[in-house]
Amino acid sequence: MPNLDSCYELLGLSRGASQEEIRGAFHRLAQQLYTDWAGPHSAARLQAISEAYSRLEVASPRLDSTVDPSPAPRWLWRLAGHIKSALSCGGVKVLADGTVELRLEADEALTGGTATLSFETDIVCRRCHATAGARCERCAGTGRERELVSFWLGIPAGVANGTVLHPSVEPLKLVKPVDFVVRVSAPT
């Protein structure tokens, strides 16, 4: 875990920055580094600034009384970024029916957190909206197009094995909804 000075440095802040400044710096950097835009090479840097942000959210005094006192959500890094990365580290498994199985360690299930997975899937054509008989150049009349879609999932603390989760926001109109199911590994 990084020390507080290195956390401030990673976020480009000076010691004693307000909660608003910490949050603003994190969101600005995260937006620049988000893997869908900056590419998969930025995942390690995004993880580092997220860990620094989480550490400062807990460690910094709450100067602004309008700020919610709950700590920042825990990012589950094995479940963040492109699905290929999560597959390679054993964080997810895609079942035959298209369901995405989130493979949580016992401690991750206990504390909960946030997962952000992106992958290509079919969406309803943005131009013709799958109108029957439409001569759409965008989808060649299929009514669907392939798109890289990001899913943000809030995983509640104490989540049970087999729980089905739904994305916080439905991204675009999917041709077929994606189900996410939790699988908790037995403690070792």
C-alpha atoms as a PDB file:
ATOM      1  CA  MET A   1       0.000   0.000   0.000  1.00  0.00           C
ATOM      2  CA  PRO A   2       1.489   3.411  -0.954  1.00  0.00           C
ATOM      3  CA  ASN A   3       2.286   5.968   1.767  1.00  0.00           C
ATOM      4  CA  LEU A   4       0.207   9.142   1.929  1.00  0.00           C
ATOM      5  CA  ASP A   5       2.882  11.359   0.357  1.00  0.00           C
ATOM      6  CA  SER A   6       3.113   9.121  -2.707  1.00  0.00           C
ATOM      7  CA  CYS A   7      -0.709   9.054  -2.914  1.00  0.00           C
ATOM      8  CA  TYR A   8      -0.821  12.842  -3.073  1.00  0.00           C
ATOM      9  CA  GLU A   9       1.991  12.815  -5.640  1.00  0.00           C
ATOM     10  CA  LEU A  10       0.221  10.255  -7.874  1.00  0.00           C
ATOM     11  CA  LEU A  11      -2.859  12.480  -7.939  1.00  0.00           C
ATOM     12  CA  GLY A  12      -0.779  15.621  -8.529  1.00  0.00           C
ATOM     13  CA  LEU A  13      -1.851  17.216  -5.241  1.00  0.00           C
ATOM     14  CA  SER A  14      -0.133  18.766  -2.257  1.00  0.00           C
ATOM     15  CA  ARG A  15      -0.576  17.349   1.229  1.00  0.00           C
ATOM     16  CA  GLY A  16      -3.692  18.729   2.900  1.00  0.00           C
ATOM     17  CA  ALA A  17      -5.792  18.893  -0.272  1.00  0.00           C
ATOM     18  CA  SER A  18      -9.538  19.011   0.392  1.00  0.00           C
ATOM     19  CA  GLN A  19     -11.859  16.093  -0.297  1.00  0.00           C
ATOM     20  CA  GLU A  20     -13.237  17.985  -3.268  1.00  0.00           C
ATOM     21  CA  GLU A  21      -9.730  18.462  -4.712  1.00  0.00           C
ATOM     22  CA  ILE A  22      -8.881  14.781  -4.138  1.00  0.00           C
ATOM     23  CA  ARG A  23     -12.094  13.628  -5.775  1.00  0.00           C
ATOM     24  CA  GLY A  24     -11.677  16.049  -8.689  1.00  0.00           C
ATOM     25  CA  ALA A  25      -8.055  14.987  -9.326  1.00  0.00           C
ATOM     26  CA  PHE A  26      -9.008  11.314  -9.258  1.00  0.00           C
ATOM     27  CA  HIS A  27     -11.937  11.740 -11.648  1.00  0.00           C
ATOM     28  CA  ARG A  28      -9.886  13.849 -14.064  1.00  0.00           C
ATOM     29  CA  LEU A  29      -7.027  11.308 -14.137  1.00  0.00           C
ATOM     30  CA  ALA A  30      -9.371   8.310 -14.287  1.00  0.00           C
ATOM     31  CA  GLN A  31     -11.162   9.795 -17.268  1.00  0.00           C
ATOM     32  CA  GLN A  32      -7.833  10.306 -19.064  1.00  0.00           C
ATOM     33  CA  LEU A  33      -6.686   6.777 -18.269  1.00  0.00           C
ATOM     34  CA  TYR A  34      -9.914   4.816 -18.613  1.00  0.00           C
ATOM     35  CA  THR A  35      -8.938   1.742 -20.627  1.00  0.00           C
ATOM     36  CA  ASP A  36     -11.746   2.076 -23.172  1.00  0.00           C
ATOM     37  CA  TRP A  37     -10.242   5.371 -24.326  1.00  0.00           C
ATOM     38  CA  ALA A  38      -6.560   5.196 -23.453  1.00  0.00           C
ATOM     39  CA  GLY A  39      -6.071   1.514 -24.240  1.00  0.00           C
ATOM     40  CA  PRO A  40      -5.177  -1.486 -22.100  1.00  0.00           C
ATOM     41  CA  HIS A  41      -1.658  -0.182 -21.374  1.00  0.00           C
ATOM     42  CA  SER A  42      -3.163   2.378 -18.987  1.00  0.00           C
ATOM     43  CA  ALA A  43      -4.736  -0.210 -16.643  1.00  0.00           C
ATOM     44  CA  ALA A  44      -1.762  -0.341 -14.237  1.00  0.00           C
ATOM     45  CA  ARG A  45      -1.632   3.453 -13.896  1.00  0.00           C
ATOM     46  CA  LEU A  46      -5.412   3.592 -13.412  1.00  0.00           C
ATOM     47  CA  GLN A  47      -5.112   0.989 -10.667  1.00  0.00           C
ATOM     48  CA  ALA A  48      -2.354   2.986  -8.948  1.00  0.00           C
ATOM     49  CA  ILE A  49      -4.310   6.253  -8.928  1.00  0.00           C
ATOM     50  CA  SER A  50      -7.446   4.438  -7.747  1.00  0.00           C
ATOM     51  CA  GLU A  51      -5.567   2.891  -4.835  1.00  0.00           C
ATOM     52  CA  ALA A  52      -4.136   6.318  -3.979  1.00  0.00           C
ATOM     53  CA  TYR A  53      -7.610   7.878  -4.145  1.00  0.00           C
ATOM     54  CA  SER A  54      -9.102   5.166  -1.914  1.00  0.00           C
ATOM     55  CA  ARG A  55      -6.304   5.625   0.610  1.00  0.00           C
ATOM     56  CA  LEU A  56      -6.707   9.417   0.694  1.00  0.00           C
ATOM     57  CA  GLU A  57     -10.502   9.203   0.948  1.00  0.00           C
ATOM     58  CA  VAL A  58     -10.127   7.193   4.151  1.00  0.00           C
ATOM     59  CA  ALA A  59      -7.063   9.019   5.561  1.00  0.00           C
ATOM     60  CA  SER A  60      -7.927  12.648   4.837  1.00  0.00           C
ATOM     61  CA  PRO A  61      -9.898  14.695   7.333  1.00  0.00           C
ATOM     62  CA  ARG A  62     -13.426  15.518   6.225  1.00  0.00           C
ATOM     63  CA  LEU A  63     -13.303  19.296   5.931  1.00  0.00           C
ATOM     64  CA  ASP A  64     -16.434  19.693   3.851  1.00  0.00           C
ATOM     65  CA  SER A  65     -19.538  18.709   5.804  1.00  0.00           C
ATOM     66  CA  THR A  66     -21.514  18.270   2.577  1.00  0.00           C
ATOM     67  CA  VAL A  67     -19.290  15.363   1.498  1.00  0.00           C
ATOM     68  CA  ASP A  68     -20.721  11.909   2.151  1.00  0.00           C
ATOM     69  CA  PRO A  69     -18.671  10.388   5.018  1.00  0.00           C
ATOM     70  CA  SER A  70     -18.784   6.842   3.617  1.00  0.00           C
ATOM     71  CA  PRO A  71     -15.468   5.606   2.185  1.00  0.00           C
ATOM     72  CA  ALA A  72     -14.908   5.359  -1.535  1.00  0.00           C
ATOM     73  CA  PRO A  73     -15.969   2.058  -3.110  1.00  0.00           C
ATOM     74  CA  ARG A  74     -13.346  -0.649  -3.267  1.00  0.00           C
ATOM     75  CA  TRP A  75     -12.299  -1.291  -6.847  1.00  0.00           C
ATOM     76  CA  LEU A  76     -12.027  -4.997  -7.594  1.00  0.00           C
ATOM     77  CA  TRP A  77      -9.068  -4.918  -9.981  1.00  0.00           C
ATOM     78  CA  ARG A  78      -9.366  -8.498 -11.157  1.00  0.00           C
ATOM     79  CA  LEU A  79     -12.809  -7.405 -12.392  1.00  0.00           C
ATOM     80  CA  ALA A  80     -11.807  -4.148 -14.067  1.00  0.00           C
ATOM     81  CA  GLY A  81     -10.986  -3.251 -17.656  1.00  0.00           C
ATOM     82  CA  HIS A  82     -11.458  -5.324 -20.779  1.00  0.00           C
ATOM     83  CA  ILE A  83     -12.956  -8.752 -20.178  1.00  0.00           C
ATOM     84  CA  LYS A  84      -9.887 -10.398 -21.748  1.00  0.00           C
ATOM     85  CA  SER A  85      -7.784  -9.119 -18.838  1.00  0.00           C
ATOM     86  CA  ALA A  86     -10.310 -10.360 -16.287  1.00  0.00           C
ATOM     87  CA  LEU A  87     -10.459 -13.748 -18.041  1.00  0.00           C
ATOM     88  CA  SER A  88      -6.677 -14.109 -18.031  1.00  0.00           C
ATOM     89  CA  CYS A  89      -6.397 -13.527 -14.278  1.00  0.00           C
ATOM     90  CA  GLY A  90      -9.349 -15.761 -13.408  1.00  0.00           C
ATOM     91  CA  GLY A  91     -11.636 -12.938 -12.305  1.00  0.00           C
ATOM     92  CA  VAL A  92     -14.447 -13.888 -14.678  1.00  0.00           C
ATOM     93  CA  LYS A  93     -15.723 -16.760 -16.758  1.00  0.00           C
ATOM     94  CA  VAL A  94     -18.141 -16.461 -19.671  1.00  0.00           C
ATOM     95  CA  LEU A  95     -20.697 -19.276 -19.619  1.00  0.00           C
ATOM     96  CA  ALA A  96     -22.138 -20.921 -22.737  1.00  0.00           C
ATOM     97  CA  ASP A  97     -25.380 -18.877 -22.498  1.00  0.00           C
ATOM     98  CA  GLY A  98     -23.428 -15.568 -22.392  1.00  0.00           C
ATOM     99  CA  THR A  99     -23.766 -15.057 -18.640  1.00  0.00           C
ATOM    100  CA  VAL A 100     -20.652 -13.479 -17.118  1.00  0.00           C
ATOM    101  CA  GLU A 101     -19.621 -15.225 -13.922  1.00  0.00           C
ATOM    102  CA  LEU A 102     -17.812 -12.906 -11.485  1.00  0.00           C
ATOM    103  CA  ARG A 103     -15.392 -15.046  -9.486  1.00  0.00           C
ATOM    104  CA  LEU A 104     -14.912 -13.367  -6.133  1.00  0.00           C
ATOM    105  CA  GLU A 105     -12.513 -14.325  -3.385  1.00  0.00           C
ATOM    106  CA  ALA A 106     -14.162 -14.690   0.036  1.00  0.00           C
ATOM    107  CA  ASP A 107     -12.728 -11.359   1.273  1.00  0.00           C
ATOM    108  CA  GLU A 108     -13.973  -9.542  -1.850  1.00  0.00           C
ATOM    109  CA  ALA A 109     -17.484 -10.926  -1.311  1.00  0.00           C
ATOM    110  CA  LEU A 110     -17.335  -9.879   2.333  1.00  0.00           C
ATOM    111  CA  THR A 111     -16.335  -6.260   1.657  1.00  0.00           C
ATOM    112  CA  GLY A 112     -18.021  -5.790  -1.740  1.00  0.00           C
ATOM    113  CA  GLY A 113     -16.807  -3.238  -4.235  1.00  0.00           C
ATOM    114  CA  THR A 114     -17.058  -2.074  -7.802  1.00  0.00           C
ATOM    115  CA  ALA A 115     -16.378  -3.982 -11.023  1.00  0.00           C
ATOM    116  CA  THR A 116     -16.046  -2.358 -14.444  1.00  0.00           C
ATOM    117  CA  LEU A 117     -15.930  -4.730 -17.369  1.00  0.00           C
ATOM    118  CA  SER A 118     -15.924  -3.863 -21.045  1.00  0.00           C
ATOM    119  CA  PHE A 119     -16.406  -6.142 -24.032  1.00  0.00           C
ATOM    120  CA  GLU A 120     -17.904  -6.142 -27.481  1.00  0.00           C
ATOM    121  CA  THR A 121     -21.557  -7.054 -27.747  1.00  0.00           C
ATOM    122  CA  ASP A 122     -24.463  -6.448 -30.105  1.00  0.00           C
ATOM    123  CA  ILE A 123     -26.531  -3.306 -29.644  1.00  0.00           C
ATOM    124  CA  VAL A 124     -29.663  -2.164 -31.459  1.00  0.00           C
ATOM    125  CA  CYS A 125     -28.680  -0.041 -34.459  1.00  0.00           C
ATOM    126  CA  ARG A 126     -28.538   3.616 -33.483  1.00  0.00           C
ATOM    127  CA  ARG A 127     -29.743   4.785 -36.877  1.00  0.00           C
ATOM    128  CA  CYS A 128     -32.698   2.509 -37.770  1.00  0.00           C
ATOM    129  CA  HIS A 129     -33.463   1.196 -34.261  1.00  0.00           C
ATOM    130  CA  ALA A 130     -34.014  -2.287 -35.730  1.00  0.00           C
ATOM    131  CA  THR A 131     -36.995  -1.129 -37.787  1.00  0.00           C
ATOM    132  CA  ALA A 132     -38.205  -4.022 -39.931  1.00  0.00           C
ATOM    133  CA  GLY A 133     -37.455  -3.503 -43.620  1.00  0.00           C
ATOM    134  CA  ALA A 134     -35.269  -0.443 -43.044  1.00  0.00           C
ATOM    135  CA  ARG A 135     -32.533   0.057 -45.605  1.00  0.00           C
ATOM    136  CA  CYS A 136     -29.946   1.153 -43.126  1.00  0.00           C
ATOM    137  CA  GLU A 137     -26.375   1.670 -44.322  1.00  0.00           C
ATOM    138  CA  ARG A 138     -25.038   1.553 -40.769  1.00  0.00           C
ATOM    139  CA  CYS A 139     -26.192  -2.004 -39.966  1.00  0.00           C
ATOM    140  CA  ALA A 140     -26.809  -3.285 -43.532  1.00  0.00           C
ATOM    141  CA  GLY A 141     -30.418  -3.997 -42.590  1.00  0.00           C
ATOM    142  CA  THR A 142     -29.610  -6.340 -39.685  1.00  0.00           C
ATOM    143  CA  GLY A 143     -30.920  -3.953 -37.031  1.00  0.00           C
ATOM    144  CA  ARG A 144     -27.826  -4.468 -34.903  1.00  0.00           C
ATOM    145  CA  GLU A 145     -24.244  -3.333 -34.690  1.00  0.00           C
ATOM    146  CA  ARG A 146     -21.210  -4.428 -32.695  1.00  0.00           C
ATOM    147  CA  GLU A 147     -20.015  -2.049 -29.987  1.00  0.00           C
ATOM    148  CA  LEU A 148     -17.483  -1.992 -27.151  1.00  0.00           C
ATOM    149  CA  VAL A 149     -19.682  -1.566 -24.076  1.00  0.00           C
ATOM    150  CA  SER A 150     -18.625  -0.888 -20.476  1.00  0.00           C
ATOM    151  CA  PHE A 151     -20.616  -2.311 -17.580  1.00  0.00           C
ATOM    152  CA  TRP A 152     -20.293  -0.851 -14.073  1.00  0.00           C
ATOM    153  CA  LEU A 153     -21.401  -3.200 -11.319  1.00  0.00           C
ATOM    154  CA  GLY A 154     -21.864  -2.357  -7.657  1.00  0.00           C
ATOM    155  CA  ILE A 155     -21.168  -5.486  -5.623  1.00  0.00           C
ATOM    156  CA  PRO A 156     -22.763  -5.195  -2.173  1.00  0.00           C
ATOM    157  CA  ALA A 157     -20.825  -6.163   0.953  1.00  0.00           C
ATOM    158  CA  GLY A 158     -21.697  -9.709   2.008  1.00  0.00           C
ATOM    159  CA  VAL A 159     -22.895 -10.697  -1.465  1.00  0.00           C
ATOM    160  CA  ALA A 160     -24.030 -14.333  -1.571  1.00  0.00           C
ATOM    161  CA  ASN A 161     -22.883 -17.004  -4.000  1.00  0.00           C
ATOM    162  CA  GLY A 162     -25.263 -17.150  -6.964  1.00  0.00           C
ATOM    163  CA  THR A 163     -26.463 -13.528  -6.681  1.00  0.00           C
ATOM    164  CA  VAL A 164     -27.386 -12.043 -10.048  1.00  0.00           C
ATOM    165  CA  LEU A 165     -26.177  -8.469 -10.492  1.00  0.00           C
ATOM    166  CA  HIS A 166     -27.363  -5.854 -12.933  1.00  0.00           C
ATOM    167  CA  PRO A 167     -25.232  -2.976 -14.250  1.00  0.00           C
ATOM    168  CA  SER A 168     -25.670   0.335 -12.430  1.00  0.00           C
ATOM    169  CA  VAL A 169     -26.616   1.927 -15.759  1.00  0.00           C
ATOM    170  CA  GLU A 170     -27.813   0.085 -18.822  1.00  0.00           C
ATOM    171  CA  PRO A 171     -25.323   1.137 -21.478  1.00  0.00           C
ATOM    172  CA  LEU A 172     -27.058   1.568 -24.821  1.00  0.00           C
ATOM    173  CA  LYS A 173     -29.873  -0.703 -25.960  1.00  0.00           C
ATOM    174  CA  LEU A 174     -28.486  -4.219 -25.976  1.00  0.00           C
ATOM    175  CA  VAL A 175     -29.840  -6.827 -28.397  1.00  0.00           C
ATOM    176  CA  LYS A 176     -29.652  -9.372 -25.564  1.00  0.00           C
ATOM    177  CA  PRO A 177     -29.261  -8.329 -21.913  1.00  0.00           C
ATOM    178  CA  VAL A 178     -26.076  -9.522 -20.206  1.00  0.00           C
ATOM    179  CA  ASP A 179     -26.459 -11.335 -16.885  1.00  0.00           C
ATOM    180  CA  PHE A 180     -23.724 -11.200 -14.250  1.00  0.00           C
ATOM    181  CA  VAL A 181     -23.695 -13.870 -11.545  1.00  0.00           C
ATOM    182  CA  VAL A 182     -21.476 -14.007  -8.453  1.00  0.00           C
ATOM    183  CA  ARG A 183     -19.413 -17.103  -7.636  1.00  0.00           C
ATOM    184  CA  VAL A 184     -17.592 -16.919  -4.315  1.00  0.00           C
ATOM    185  CA  SER A 185     -14.580 -19.159  -3.835  1.00  0.00           C
ATOM    186  CA  ALA A 186     -14.249 -21.026  -0.565  1.00  0.00           C
ATOM    187  CA  PRO A 187     -11.771 -19.430   1.853  1.00  0.00           C
ATOM    188  CA  THR A 188      -8.360 -21.091   1.826  1.00  0.00           C
END
